[in-house]
PDB file of all heavy atoms in Angstrom:
ATOM      1  N   TYR A   1      -0.631 -15.586   7.093  1.00  0.00           N
ATOM      2  CA  TYR A   1       0.623 -16.311   6.905  1.00  0.00           C
ATOM      3  C   TYR A   1       0.408 -17.594   6.121  1.00  0.00           C
ATOM      4  O   TYR A   1       1.098 -17.850   5.126  1.00  0.00           O
ATOM      5  CB  TYR A   1       1.289 -16.617   8.247  1.00  0.00           C
ATOM      6  CG  TYR A   1       2.757 -16.954   8.083  1.00  0.00           C
ATOM      7  CD1 TYR A   1       3.718 -15.947   8.166  1.00  0.00           C
ATOM      8  CD2 TYR A   1       3.186 -18.252   7.812  1.00  0.00           C
ATOM      9  CE1 TYR A   1       5.063 -16.240   7.984  1.00  0.00           C
ATOM     10  CE2 TYR A   1       4.521 -18.552   7.632  1.00  0.00           C
ATOM     11  CZ  TYR A   1       5.461 -17.545   7.715  1.00  0.00           C
ATOM     12  OH  TYR A   1       6.788 -17.833   7.521  1.00  0.00           O
ATOM     13  N   GLU A   2      -0.557 -18.412   6.549  1.00  0.00           N
ATOM     14  CA  GLU A   2      -0.749 -19.672   5.826  1.00  0.00           C
ATOM     15  C   GLU A   2      -1.315 -19.449   4.432  1.00  0.00           C
ATOM     16  O   GLU A   2      -1.188 -20.310   3.554  1.00  0.00           O
ATOM     17  CB  GLU A   2      -1.634 -20.643   6.619  1.00  0.00           C
ATOM     18  CG  GLU A   2      -3.060 -20.195   6.849  1.00  0.00           C
ATOM     19  CD  GLU A   2      -3.264 -19.626   8.233  1.00  0.00           C
ATOM     20  OE1 GLU A   2      -2.326 -18.958   8.720  1.00  0.00           O
ATOM     21  OE2 GLU A   2      -4.332 -19.844   8.818  1.00  0.00           O
ATOM     22  N   PHE A   3      -1.929 -18.275   4.192  1.00  0.00           N
ATOM     23  CA  PHE A   3      -2.400 -17.950   2.846  1.00  0.00           C
ATOM     24  C   PHE A   3      -1.285 -17.336   1.991  1.00  0.00           C
ATOM     25  O   PHE A   3      -1.478 -17.110   0.792  1.00  0.00           O
ATOM     26  CB  PHE A   3      -3.578 -16.979   2.910  1.00  0.00           C
ATOM     27  CG  PHE A   3      -4.846 -17.590   3.479  1.00  0.00           C
ATOM     28  CD1 PHE A   3      -5.921 -16.793   3.818  1.00  0.00           C
ATOM     29  CD2 PHE A   3      -4.959 -18.967   3.673  1.00  0.00           C
ATOM     30  CE1 PHE A   3      -7.086 -17.352   4.339  1.00  0.00           C
ATOM     31  CE2 PHE A   3      -6.114 -19.525   4.196  1.00  0.00           C
ATOM     32  CZ  PHE A   3      -7.185 -18.721   4.535  1.00  0.00           C
ATOM     33  N   GLY A   4      -0.152 -17.034   2.604  1.00  0.00           N
ATOM     34  CA  GLY A   4       0.975 -16.477   1.858  1.00  0.00           C
ATOM     35  C   GLY A   4       0.759 -15.057   1.391  1.00  0.00           C
ATOM     36  O   GLY A   4       1.423 -14.592   0.446  1.00  0.00           O
ATOM     37  N   LEU A   5      -0.143 -14.314   2.043  1.00  0.00           N
ATOM     38  CA  LEU A   5      -0.379 -12.918   1.648  1.00  0.00           C
ATOM     39  C   LEU A   5       0.839 -12.085   2.038  1.00  0.00           C
ATOM     40  O   LEU A   5       1.312 -12.152   3.165  1.00  0.00           O
ATOM     41  CB  LEU A   5      -1.637 -12.395   2.331  1.00  0.00           C
ATOM     42  CG  LEU A   5      -2.915 -13.209   2.060  1.00  0.00           C
ATOM     43  CD1 LEU A   5      -4.095 -12.601   2.790  1.00  0.00           C
ATOM     44  CD2 LEU A   5      -3.192 -13.303   0.567  1.00  0.00           C
ATOM     45  N   ASN A   6       1.310 -11.283   1.109  1.00  0.00           N
ATOM     46  CA  ASN A   6       2.583 -10.603   1.382  1.00  0.00           C
ATOM     47  C   ASN A   6       2.736  -9.268   0.659  1.00  0.00           C
ATOM     48  O   ASN A   6       3.844  -8.829   0.380  1.00  0.00           O
ATOM     49  CB  ASN A   6       3.752 -11.514   1.010  1.00  0.00           C
ATOM     50  CG  ASN A   6       3.791 -11.865  -0.468  1.00  0.00           C
ATOM     51  OD1 ASN A   6       2.814 -11.669  -1.183  1.00  0.00           O
ATOM     52  ND2 ASN A   6       4.921 -12.387  -0.933  1.00  0.00           N
ATOM     53  N   GLN A   7       1.618  -8.594   0.361  1.00  0.00           N
ATOM     54  CA  GLN A   7       1.717  -7.289  -0.295  1.00  0.00           C
ATOM     55  C   GLN A   7       1.961  -6.219   0.766  1.00  0.00           C
ATOM     56  O   GLN A   7       1.127  -6.006   1.647  1.00  0.00           O
ATOM     57  CB  GLN A   7       0.445  -6.962  -1.077  1.00  0.00           C
ATOM     58  CG  GLN A   7       0.538  -5.648  -1.838  1.00  0.00           C
ATOM     59  CD  GLN A   7      -0.728  -5.327  -2.614  1.00  0.00           C
ATOM     60  OE1 GLN A   7      -1.652  -6.131  -2.672  1.00  0.00           O
ATOM     61  NE2 GLN A   7      -0.779  -4.138  -3.214  1.00  0.00           N
ATOM     62  N   PRO A   8       3.097  -5.522   0.682  1.00  0.00           N
ATOM     63  CA  PRO A   8       3.407  -4.523   1.715  1.00  0.00           C
ATOM     64  C   PRO A   8       2.839  -3.149   1.376  1.00  0.00           C
ATOM     65  O   PRO A   8       2.494  -2.860   0.227  1.00  0.00           O
ATOM     66  CB  PRO A   8       4.936  -4.488   1.697  1.00  0.00           C
ATOM     67  CG  PRO A   8       5.285  -4.757   0.258  1.00  0.00           C
ATOM     68  CD  PRO A   8       4.214  -5.706  -0.255  1.00  0.00           C
ATOM     69  N   MET A   9       2.774  -2.329   2.403  1.00  0.00           N
ATOM     70  CA  MET A   9       2.503  -0.910   2.188  1.00  0.00           C
ATOM     71  C   MET A   9       3.700  -0.289   1.470  1.00  0.00           C
ATOM     72  O   MET A   9       4.840  -0.696   1.697  1.00  0.00           O
ATOM     73  CB  MET A   9       2.298  -0.204   3.528  1.00  0.00           C
ATOM     74  CG  MET A   9       1.001  -0.553   4.216  1.00  0.00           C
ATOM     75  SD  MET A   9      -0.389   0.407   3.582  1.00  0.00           S
ATOM     76  CE  MET A   9      -0.014   2.042   4.245  1.00  0.00           C
ATOM     77  N   PRO A  10       3.482   0.673   0.609  1.00  0.00           N
ATOM     78  CA  PRO A  10       4.614   1.335  -0.040  1.00  0.00           C
ATOM     79  C   PRO A  10       5.567   1.933   0.998  1.00  0.00           C
ATOM     80  O   PRO A  10       5.139   2.622   1.922  1.00  0.00           O
ATOM     81  CB  PRO A  10       3.950   2.430  -0.886  1.00  0.00           C
ATOM     82  CG  PRO A  10       2.556   1.934  -1.112  1.00  0.00           C
ATOM     83  CD  PRO A  10       2.189   1.185   0.130  1.00  0.00           C
ATOM     84  N   THR A  11       6.825   1.617   0.863  1.00  0.00           N
ATOM     85  CA  THR A  11       7.921   2.132   1.709  1.00  0.00           C
ATOM     86  C   THR A  11       7.830   1.654   3.157  1.00  0.00           C
ATOM     87  O   THR A  11       8.546   2.159   4.013  1.00  0.00           O
ATOM     88  CB  THR A  11       7.981   3.676   1.694  1.00  0.00           C
ATOM     89  OG1 THR A  11       6.870   4.212   2.437  1.00  0.00           O
ATOM     90  CG2 THR A  11       7.981   4.216   0.284  1.00  0.00           C
ATOM     91  N   LYS A  12       6.945   0.687   3.465  1.00  0.00           N
ATOM     92  CA  LYS A  12       6.809   0.221   4.841  1.00  0.00           C
ATOM     93  C   LYS A  12       6.864  -1.304   4.897  1.00  0.00           C
ATOM     94  O   LYS A  12       6.416  -1.980   3.968  1.00  0.00           O
ATOM     95  CB  LYS A  12       5.490   0.696   5.463  1.00  0.00           C
ATOM     96  CG  LYS A  12       5.399   2.186   5.692  1.00  0.00           C
ATOM     97  CD  LYS A  12       4.092   2.534   6.391  1.00  0.00           C
ATOM     98  CE  LYS A  12       3.986   4.034   6.648  1.00  0.00           C
ATOM     99  NZ  LYS A  12       2.723   4.373   7.360  1.00  0.00           N
ATOM    100  N   GLU A  13       7.398  -1.825   6.001  1.00  0.00           N
ATOM    101  CA  GLU A  13       7.454  -3.267   6.211  1.00  0.00           C
ATOM    102  C   GLU A  13       6.206  -3.720   6.966  1.00  0.00           C
ATOM    103  O   GLU A  13       6.280  -4.284   8.048  1.00  0.00           O
ATOM    104  CB  GLU A  13       8.720  -3.653   6.990  1.00  0.00           C
ATOM    105  CG  GLU A  13      10.007  -3.428   6.228  1.00  0.00           C
ATOM    106  CD  GLU A  13      11.218  -3.895   7.001  1.00  0.00           C
ATOM    107  OE1 GLU A  13      11.058  -4.650   7.988  1.00  0.00           O
ATOM    108  OE2 GLU A  13      12.338  -3.507   6.637  1.00  0.00           O
ATOM    109  N   GLU A  14       5.038  -3.446   6.392  1.00  0.00           N
ATOM    110  CA  GLU A  14       3.800  -3.888   7.004  1.00  0.00           C
ATOM    111  C   GLU A  14       2.770  -4.152   5.914  1.00  0.00           C
ATOM    112  O   GLU A  14       2.928  -3.731   4.768  1.00  0.00           O
ATOM    113  CB  GLU A  14       3.277  -2.872   8.010  1.00  0.00           C
ATOM    114  CG  GLU A  14       2.993  -1.508   7.447  1.00  0.00           C
ATOM    115  CD  GLU A  14       2.576  -0.521   8.537  1.00  0.00           C
ATOM    116  OE1 GLU A  14       3.393  -0.218   9.409  1.00  0.00           O
ATOM    117  OE2 GLU A  14       1.414  -0.059   8.485  1.00  0.00           O
ATOM    118  N   TYR A  15       1.717  -4.867   6.289  1.00  0.00           N
ATOM    119  CA  TYR A  15       0.735  -5.317   5.299  1.00  0.00           C
ATOM    120  C   TYR A  15      -0.121  -4.159   4.789  1.00  0.00           C
ATOM    121  O   TYR A  15      -0.553  -3.295   5.569  1.00  0.00           O
ATOM    122  CB  TYR A  15      -0.172  -6.378   5.914  1.00  0.00           C
ATOM    123  CG  TYR A  15       0.523  -7.687   6.210  1.00  0.00           C
ATOM    124  CD1 TYR A  15       1.125  -7.910   7.453  1.00  0.00           C
ATOM    125  CD2 TYR A  15       0.584  -8.698   5.253  1.00  0.00           C
ATOM    126  CE1 TYR A  15       1.761  -9.119   7.729  1.00  0.00           C
ATOM    127  CE2 TYR A  15       1.218  -9.904   5.525  1.00  0.00           C
ATOM    128  CZ  TYR A  15       1.813 -10.101   6.759  1.00  0.00           C
ATOM    129  OH  TYR A  15       2.444 -11.298   7.023  1.00  0.00           O
ATOM    130  N   VAL A  16      -0.385  -4.179   3.487  1.00  0.00           N
ATOM    131  CA  VAL A  16      -1.338  -3.240   2.922  1.00  0.00           C
ATOM    132  C   VAL A  16      -2.741  -3.676   3.342  1.00  0.00           C
ATOM    133  O   VAL A  16      -2.978  -4.855   3.615  1.00  0.00           O
ATOM    134  CB  VAL A  16      -1.201  -3.189   1.381  1.00  0.00           C
ATOM    135  CG1 VAL A  16      -1.736  -4.461   0.727  1.00  0.00           C
ATOM    136  CG2 VAL A  16      -1.892  -1.952   0.803  1.00  0.00           C
ATOM    137  N   ASN A  17      -3.657  -2.726   3.430  1.00  0.00           N
ATOM    138  CA  ASN A  17      -5.011  -3.012   3.915  1.00  0.00           C
ATOM    139  C   ASN A  17      -4.948  -3.736   5.258  1.00  0.00           C
ATOM    140  O   ASN A  17      -5.568  -4.785   5.469  1.00  0.00           O
ATOM    141  CB  ASN A  17      -5.798  -3.838   2.890  1.00  0.00           C
ATOM    142  CG  ASN A  17      -5.980  -3.104   1.578  1.00  0.00           C
ATOM    143  OD1 ASN A  17      -6.194  -1.888   1.563  1.00  0.00           O
ATOM    144  ND2 ASN A  17      -5.870  -3.826   0.469  1.00  0.00           N
ATOM    145  N   ASN A  18      -4.174  -3.141   6.123  1.00  0.00           N
ATOM    146  CA  ASN A  18      -3.832  -3.786   7.392  1.00  0.00           C
ATOM    147  C   ASN A  18      -5.072  -4.099   8.207  1.00  0.00           C
ATOM    148  O   ASN A  18      -5.944  -3.252   8.406  1.00  0.00           O
ATOM    149  CB  ASN A  18      -2.900  -2.863   8.190  1.00  0.00           C
ATOM    150  CG  ASN A  18      -2.164  -3.589   9.285  1.00  0.00           C
ATOM    151  OD1 ASN A  18      -2.762  -4.220  10.141  1.00  0.00           O
ATOM    152  ND2 ASN A  18      -0.838  -3.494   9.260  1.00  0.00           N
ATOM    153  N   GLU A  19      -5.116  -5.335   8.697  1.00  0.00           N
ATOM    154  CA  GLU A  19      -6.258  -5.798   9.468  1.00  0.00           C
ATOM    155  C   GLU A  19      -6.401  -5.058  10.792  1.00  0.00           C
ATOM    156  O   GLU A  19      -7.459  -5.118  11.426  1.00  0.00           O
ATOM    157  CB  GLU A  19      -6.116  -7.304   9.709  1.00  0.00           C
ATOM    158  CG  GLU A  19      -7.397  -7.993  10.103  1.00  0.00           C
ATOM    159  CD  GLU A  19      -7.259  -9.502  10.146  1.00  0.00           C
ATOM    160  OE1 GLU A  19      -6.162 -10.014   9.834  1.00  0.00           O
ATOM    161  OE2 GLU A  19      -8.251 -10.170  10.497  1.00  0.00           O
ATOM    162  N   LYS A  20      -5.372  -4.342  11.198  1.00  0.00           N
ATOM    163  CA  LYS A  20      -5.482  -3.544  12.417  1.00  0.00           C
ATOM    164  C   LYS A  20      -6.557  -2.471  12.297  1.00  0.00           C
ATOM    165  O   LYS A  20      -7.079  -2.002  13.311  1.00  0.00           O
ATOM    166  CB  LYS A  20      -4.139  -2.866  12.726  1.00  0.00           C
ATOM    167  CG  LYS A  20      -3.067  -3.774  13.258  1.00  0.00           C
ATOM    168  CD  LYS A  20      -1.768  -3.017  13.476  1.00  0.00           C
ATOM    169  CE  LYS A  20      -1.922  -1.888  14.463  1.00  0.00           C
ATOM    170  NZ  LYS A  20      -0.645  -1.184  14.724  1.00  0.00           N
ATOM    171  N   TYR A  21      -6.871  -2.065  11.066  1.00  0.00           N
ATOM    172  CA  TYR A  21      -7.756  -0.923  10.881  1.00  0.00           C
ATOM    173  C   TYR A  21      -9.035  -1.254  10.123  1.00  0.00           C
ATOM    174  O   TYR A  21      -9.839  -0.357   9.870  1.00  0.00           O
ATOM    175  CB  TYR A  21      -7.003   0.187  10.127  1.00  0.00           C
ATOM    176  CG  TYR A  21      -5.716   0.584  10.807  1.00  0.00           C
ATOM    177  CD1 TYR A  21      -4.490   0.137  10.320  1.00  0.00           C
ATOM    178  CD2 TYR A  21      -5.729   1.379  11.952  1.00  0.00           C
ATOM    179  CE1 TYR A  21      -3.308   0.495  10.950  1.00  0.00           C
ATOM    180  CE2 TYR A  21      -4.549   1.734  12.586  1.00  0.00           C
ATOM    181  CZ  TYR A  21      -3.339   1.284  12.084  1.00  0.00           C
ATOM    182  OH  TYR A  21      -2.167   1.621  12.716  1.00  0.00           O
ATOM    183  N   GLN A  22      -9.245  -2.500   9.762  1.00  0.00           N
ATOM    184  CA  GLN A  22     -10.440  -2.825   9.001  1.00  0.00           C
ATOM    185  C   GLN A  22     -10.799  -4.296   9.166  1.00  0.00           C
ATOM    186  O   GLN A  22      -9.966  -5.120   9.551  1.00  0.00           O
ATOM    187  CB  GLN A  22     -10.239  -2.516   7.513  1.00  0.00           C
ATOM    188  CG  GLN A  22      -9.149  -3.341   6.845  1.00  0.00           C
ATOM    189  CD  GLN A  22      -8.841  -2.849   5.438  1.00  0.00           C
ATOM    190  OE1 GLN A  22      -8.120  -1.869   5.245  1.00  0.00           O
ATOM    191  NE2 GLN A  22      -9.408  -3.524   4.445  1.00  0.00           N
ATOM    192  N   LEU A  23     -12.064  -4.594   8.892  1.00  0.00           N
ATOM    193  CA  LEU A  23     -12.518  -5.975   8.893  1.00  0.00           C
ATOM    194  C   LEU A  23     -12.018  -6.684   7.644  1.00  0.00           C
ATOM    195  O   LEU A  23     -11.863  -6.076   6.589  1.00  0.00           O
ATOM    196  CB  LEU A  23     -14.049  -6.036   8.902  1.00  0.00           C
ATOM    197  CG  LEU A  23     -14.798  -5.584  10.154  1.00  0.00           C
ATOM    198  CD1 LEU A  23     -16.299  -5.726   9.918  1.00  0.00           C
ATOM    199  CD2 LEU A  23     -14.381  -6.405  11.352  1.00  0.00           C
ATOM    200  N   HIS A  24     -11.762  -7.986   7.789  1.00  0.00           N
ATOM    201  CA  HIS A  24     -11.460  -8.822   6.631  1.00  0.00           C
ATOM    202  C   HIS A  24     -12.350 -10.042   6.679  1.00  0.00           C
ATOM    203  O   HIS A  24     -12.738 -10.513   7.764  1.00  0.00           O
ATOM    204  CB  HIS A  24      -9.987  -9.267   6.640  1.00  0.00           C
ATOM    205  CG  HIS A  24      -9.057  -8.269   6.044  1.00  0.00           C
ATOM    206  ND1 HIS A  24      -8.700  -8.276   4.717  1.00  0.00           N
ATOM    207  CD2 HIS A  24      -8.389  -7.223   6.595  1.00  0.00           C
ATOM    208  CE1 HIS A  24      -7.854  -7.283   4.474  1.00  0.00           C
ATOM    209  NE2 HIS A  24      -7.651  -6.626   5.604  1.00  0.00           N
ATOM    210  N   HIS A  25     -12.668 -10.539   5.523  1.00  0.00           N
ATOM    211  CA  HIS A  25     -13.381 -11.809   5.455  1.00  0.00           C
ATOM    212  C   HIS A  25     -12.427 -12.838   4.863  1.00  0.00           C
ATOM    213  O   HIS A  25     -11.830 -12.628   3.805  1.00  0.00           O
ATOM    214  CB  HIS A  25     -14.629 -11.700   4.579  1.00  0.00           C
ATOM    215  CG  HIS A  25     -15.325 -13.019   4.423  1.00  0.00           C
ATOM    216  ND1 HIS A  25     -15.205 -13.788   3.285  1.00  0.00           N
ATOM    217  CD2 HIS A  25     -16.114 -13.724   5.280  1.00  0.00           C
ATOM    218  CE1 HIS A  25     -15.898 -14.901   3.439  1.00  0.00           C
ATOM    219  NE2 HIS A  25     -16.460 -14.880   4.634  1.00  0.00           N
ATOM    220  N   TRP A  26     -12.260 -13.962   5.572  1.00  0.00           N
ATOM    221  CA  TRP A  26     -11.324 -14.999   5.148  1.00  0.00           C
ATOM    222  C   TRP A  26     -12.077 -16.276   4.802  1.00  0.00           C
ATOM    223  O   TRP A  26     -13.100 -16.597   5.411  1.00  0.00           O
ATOM    224  CB  TRP A  26     -10.317 -15.318   6.264  1.00  0.00           C
ATOM    225  CG  TRP A  26      -9.564 -14.147   6.795  1.00  0.00           C
ATOM    226  CD1 TRP A  26      -9.680 -13.586   8.025  1.00  0.00           C
ATOM    227  CD2 TRP A  26      -8.559 -13.395   6.115  1.00  0.00           C
ATOM    228  NE1 TRP A  26      -8.815 -12.531   8.174  1.00  0.00           N
ATOM    229  CE2 TRP A  26      -8.111 -12.387   7.001  1.00  0.00           C
ATOM    230  CE3 TRP A  26      -7.993 -13.457   4.832  1.00  0.00           C
ATOM    231  CZ2 TRP A  26      -7.122 -11.468   6.662  1.00  0.00           C
ATOM    232  CZ3 TRP A  26      -7.006 -12.540   4.488  1.00  0.00           C
ATOM    233  CH2 TRP A  26      -6.584 -11.563   5.394  1.00  0.00           C
ATOM    234  N   ASP A  27     -11.520 -16.994   3.830  1.00  0.00           N
ATOM    235  CA  ASP A  27     -12.014 -18.334   3.524  1.00  0.00           C
ATOM    236  C   ASP A  27     -11.289 -19.301   4.459  1.00  0.00           C
ATOM    237  O   ASP A  27     -10.236 -19.840   4.132  1.00  0.00           O
ATOM    238  CB  ASP A  27     -11.740 -18.684   2.060  1.00  0.00           C
ATOM    239  CG  ASP A  27     -12.210 -20.092   1.699  1.00  0.00           C
ATOM    240  OD1 ASP A  27     -12.848 -20.745   2.569  1.00  0.00           O
ATOM    241  OD2 ASP A  27     -11.924 -20.536   0.574  1.00  0.00           O
ATOM    242  N   TRP A  28     -11.856 -19.508   5.632  1.00  0.00           N
ATOM    243  CA  TRP A  28     -11.183 -20.293   6.660  1.00  0.00           C
ATOM    244  C   TRP A  28     -11.072 -21.770   6.290  1.00  0.00           C
ATOM    245  O   TRP A  28     -10.329 -22.519   6.932  1.00  0.00           O
ATOM    246  CB  TRP A  28     -11.928 -20.155   7.991  1.00  0.00           C
ATOM    247  CG  TRP A  28     -11.813 -18.785   8.586  1.00  0.00           C
ATOM    248  CD1 TRP A  28     -12.716 -17.771   8.487  1.00  0.00           C
ATOM    249  CD2 TRP A  28     -10.721 -18.272   9.361  1.00  0.00           C
ATOM    250  NE1 TRP A  28     -12.264 -16.658   9.165  1.00  0.00           N
ATOM    251  CE2 TRP A  28     -11.040 -16.944   9.713  1.00  0.00           C
ATOM    252  CE3 TRP A  28      -9.508 -18.810   9.807  1.00  0.00           C
ATOM    253  CZ2 TRP A  28     -10.197 -16.137  10.476  1.00  0.00           C
ATOM    254  CZ3 TRP A  28      -8.658 -18.012  10.561  1.00  0.00           C
ATOM    255  CH2 TRP A  28      -9.010 -16.697  10.886  1.00  0.00           C
ATOM    256  N   ASN A  29     -11.779 -22.219   5.268  1.00  0.00           N
ATOM    257  CA  ASN A  29     -11.689 -23.616   4.841  1.00  0.00           C
ATOM    258  C   ASN A  29     -10.570 -23.848   3.823  1.00  0.00           C
ATOM    259  O   ASN A  29     -10.311 -24.981   3.431  1.00  0.00           O
ATOM    260  CB  ASN A  29     -13.020 -24.074   4.229  1.00  0.00           C
ATOM    261  CG  ASN A  29     -14.139 -24.083   5.252  1.00  0.00           C
ATOM    262  OD1 ASN A  29     -13.945 -24.502   6.386  1.00  0.00           O
ATOM    263  ND2 ASN A  29     -15.309 -23.598   4.849  1.00  0.00           N
ATOM    264  N   ARG A  30      -9.925 -22.788   3.429  1.00  0.00           N
ATOM    265  CA  ARG A  30      -8.895 -22.888   2.392  1.00  0.00           C
ATOM    266  C   ARG A  30      -7.655 -23.613   2.913  1.00  0.00           C
ATOM    267  O   ARG A  30      -7.169 -23.322   4.000  1.00  0.00           O
ATOM    268  CB  ARG A  30      -8.538 -21.480   1.918  1.00  0.00           C
ATOM    269  CG  ARG A  30      -7.451 -21.419   0.868  1.00  0.00           C
ATOM    270  CD  ARG A  30      -7.156 -19.964   0.547  1.00  0.00           C
ATOM    271  NE  ARG A  30      -5.990 -19.803  -0.299  1.00  0.00           N
ATOM    272  CZ  ARG A  30      -5.366 -18.646  -0.511  1.00  0.00           C
ATOM    273  NH1 ARG A  30      -5.843 -17.542   0.069  1.00  0.00           N
ATOM    274  NH2 ARG A  30      -4.311 -18.584  -1.285  1.00  0.00           N
ATOM    275  N   LYS A  31      -7.159 -24.562   2.125  1.00  0.00           N
ATOM    276  CA  LYS A  31      -5.922 -25.273   2.439  1.00  0.00           C
ATOM    277  C   LYS A  31      -4.822 -24.796   1.489  1.00  0.00           C
ATOM    278  O   LYS A  31      -5.072 -24.587   0.297  1.00  0.00           O
ATOM    279  CB  LYS A  31      -6.106 -26.782   2.284  1.00  0.00           C
ATOM    280  CG  LYS A  31      -7.159 -27.393   3.206  1.00  0.00           C
ATOM    281  CD  LYS A  31      -6.660 -27.500   4.629  1.00  0.00           C
ATOM    282  CE  LYS A  31      -7.637 -28.295   5.485  1.00  0.00           C
ATOM    283  NZ  LYS A  31      -7.186 -28.401   6.888  1.00  0.00           N
ATOM    284  N   THR A  32      -3.636 -24.655   1.996  1.00  0.00           N
ATOM    285  CA  THR A  32      -2.517 -24.217   1.172  1.00  0.00           C
ATOM    286  C   THR A  32      -1.292 -25.075   1.467  1.00  0.00           C
ATOM    287  O   THR A  32      -1.243 -25.822   2.454  1.00  0.00           O
ATOM    288  CB  THR A  32      -2.154 -22.747   1.449  1.00  0.00           C
ATOM    289  OG1 THR A  32      -1.590 -22.642   2.771  1.00  0.00           O
ATOM    290  CG2 THR A  32      -3.374 -21.836   1.345  1.00  0.00           C
ATOM    291  N   ARG A  33      -0.318 -24.945   0.612  1.00  0.00           N
ATOM    292  CA  ARG A  33       0.969 -25.616   0.828  1.00  0.00           C
ATOM    293  C   ARG A  33       1.573 -25.202   2.163  1.00  0.00           C
ATOM    294  O   ARG A  33       2.148 -26.025   2.891  1.00  0.00           O
ATOM    295  CB  ARG A  33       1.892 -25.243  -0.335  1.00  0.00           C
ATOM    296  CG  ARG A  33       3.321 -25.727  -0.242  1.00  0.00           C
ATOM    297  CD  ARG A  33       4.059 -25.280  -1.501  1.00  0.00           C
ATOM    298  NE  ARG A  33       5.496 -25.541  -1.406  1.00  0.00           N
ATOM    299  CZ  ARG A  33       6.441 -24.655  -1.711  1.00  0.00           C
ATOM    300  NH1 ARG A  33       6.080 -23.441  -2.116  1.00  0.00           N
ATOM    301  NH2 ARG A  33       7.705 -24.971  -1.614  1.00  0.00           N
ATOM    302  N   ILE A  34       1.402 -23.933   2.511  1.00  0.00           N
ATOM    303  CA  ILE A  34       1.972 -23.442   3.764  1.00  0.00           C
ATOM    304  C   ILE A  34       1.207 -24.004   4.952  1.00  0.00           C
ATOM    305  O   ILE A  34       1.807 -24.433   5.944  1.00  0.00           O
ATOM    306  CB  ILE A  34       1.961 -21.894   3.785  1.00  0.00           C
ATOM    307  CG1 ILE A  34       2.783 -21.341   2.618  1.00  0.00           C
ATOM    308  CG2 ILE A  34       2.510 -21.378   5.109  1.00  0.00           C
ATOM    309  CD1 ILE A  34       2.665 -19.842   2.444  1.00  0.00           C
TER     310      ILE A  34
END
């Protein structure tokens, strides 16, 4: 959310490459407007 990631799955109201099913690596030091 604070990174503003918003790419949906085709035809679905959910995130593509959903974190429910895979590991993600985040830049936790990143600051954003959000």
